[in-house]
């Protein structure tokens, strides 16, 4: 008990072959995943330029918004409940 037998090893080999070997769609997909991981790591290692400080003489930006409608006006008068 607890050891890997021949059927277990064959099953593992078949799974690895399906995922990484041959010319199937799954192997192409795994290759694309590997390329994506490599480009992600490359993107993390690239240094980004430092952001420029804001101009202190420029006026502050504000957001214009409307007050929410009262709860009673938003209710449907035909709906019971």
Protein backbone atom coordinates (compact mmCIF):
# COMPACT_ATOMS: atom_id res chain seq x y z
CA UNK A 1 0.00 0.00 0.00
CA UNK A 2 1.07 3.54 -0.62
CA UNK A 3 3.41 2.80 -3.52
CA UNK A 4 3.00 3.71 -7.14
CA UNK A 5 2.17 0.70 -9.24
CA UNK A 6 2.48 0.28 -12.99
CA UNK A 7 -1.14 1.34 -13.71
CA UNK A 8 -0.63 4.52 -11.69
CA UNK A 9 2.54 5.39 -13.57
CA UNK A 10 0.92 4.69 -16.94
CA UNK A 11 -2.05 6.86 -16.08
CA UNK A 12 0.25 9.70 -15.01
CA UNK A 13 2.28 9.34 -18.22
CA UNK A 14 -0.88 9.47 -20.35
CA UNK A 15 -2.08 12.63 -18.56
CA UNK A 16 1.31 14.32 -19.03
CA UNK A 17 1.40 13.27 -22.68
CA UNK A 18 -2.10 14.64 -23.29
CA UNK A 19 -1.36 17.95 -21.60
CA UNK A 20 2.14 18.64 -22.89
CA UNK A 21 2.87 16.35 -25.81
CA UNK A 22 1.71 15.67 -29.30
CA UNK A 23 0.11 18.11 -31.70
CA UNK A 24 -3.26 18.32 -30.02
CA UNK A 25 -5.25 21.35 -29.02
CA UNK A 26 -4.49 20.85 -25.34
CA UNK A 27 -0.72 20.97 -25.89
CA UNK A 28 -1.13 24.20 -27.89
CA UNK A 29 -3.24 25.61 -25.10
CA UNK A 30 -0.61 24.72 -22.49
CA UNK A 31 2.06 26.38 -24.67
CA UNK A 32 -0.06 29.53 -24.85
CA UNK A 33 -0.47 29.49 -21.08
CA UNK A 34 3.31 29.23 -20.67
CA UNK A 35 3.82 32.18 -23.04
CA UNK A 36 1.29 34.20 -21.08
CA UNK A 37 3.04 33.47 -17.80
CA UNK A 38 6.40 34.47 -19.29
CA UNK A 39 5.04 37.75 -20.64
CA UNK A 40 3.35 38.46 -17.30
CA UNK A 41 6.63 37.97 -15.44
CA UNK A 42 8.40 40.17 -17.99
CA UNK A 43 5.79 42.87 -17.50
CA UNK A 44 6.29 42.74 -13.74
CA UNK A 45 10.05 43.10 -14.07
CA UNK A 46 9.85 46.11 -16.42
CA UNK A 47 10.29 49.39 -14.60
CA UNK A 48 7.60 52.00 -15.06
CA UNK A 49 8.52 55.69 -15.17
CA UNK A 50 7.74 57.62 -11.99
CA UNK A 51 4.52 59.66 -12.19
CA UNK A 52 4.95 63.41 -12.51
CA UNK A 53 3.87 65.47 -9.50
CA UNK A 54 0.66 67.47 -9.89
CA UNK A 55 0.91 71.18 -10.62
CA UNK A 56 0.11 72.99 -7.33
CA UNK A 57 -1.09 76.07 -9.22
CA UNK A 58 -3.78 74.13 -11.08
CA UNK A 59 -7.29 74.28 -9.56
CA UNK A 60 -8.64 71.17 -7.91
CA UNK A 61 -11.08 69.11 -9.98
CA UNK A 62 -14.58 68.61 -8.65
CA UNK A 63 -17.31 66.19 -9.61
CA UNK A 64 -20.78 67.55 -10.33
CA UNK A 65 -23.63 65.29 -9.33
CA UNK A 66 -27.35 65.43 -8.78
CA UNK A 67 -29.05 64.66 -5.53
CA UNK A 68 -30.77 61.25 -5.51
CA UNK A 69 -34.52 61.20 -6.07
CA UNK A 70 -36.67 60.81 -2.96
CA UNK A 71 -37.65 57.24 -2.18
CA UNK A 72 -41.39 57.95 -2.44
CA UNK A 73 -41.11 59.47 -5.91
CA UNK A 74 -39.18 56.46 -7.16
CA UNK A 75 -41.91 53.99 -6.18
CA UNK A 76 -44.35 52.73 -8.76
CA UNK A 77 -47.87 53.82 -7.68
CA UNK A 78 -49.44 50.83 -9.48
CA UNK A 79 -47.31 48.29 -7.64
CA UNK A 80 -48.76 46.89 -4.44
CA UNK A 81 -46.36 45.95 -1.74
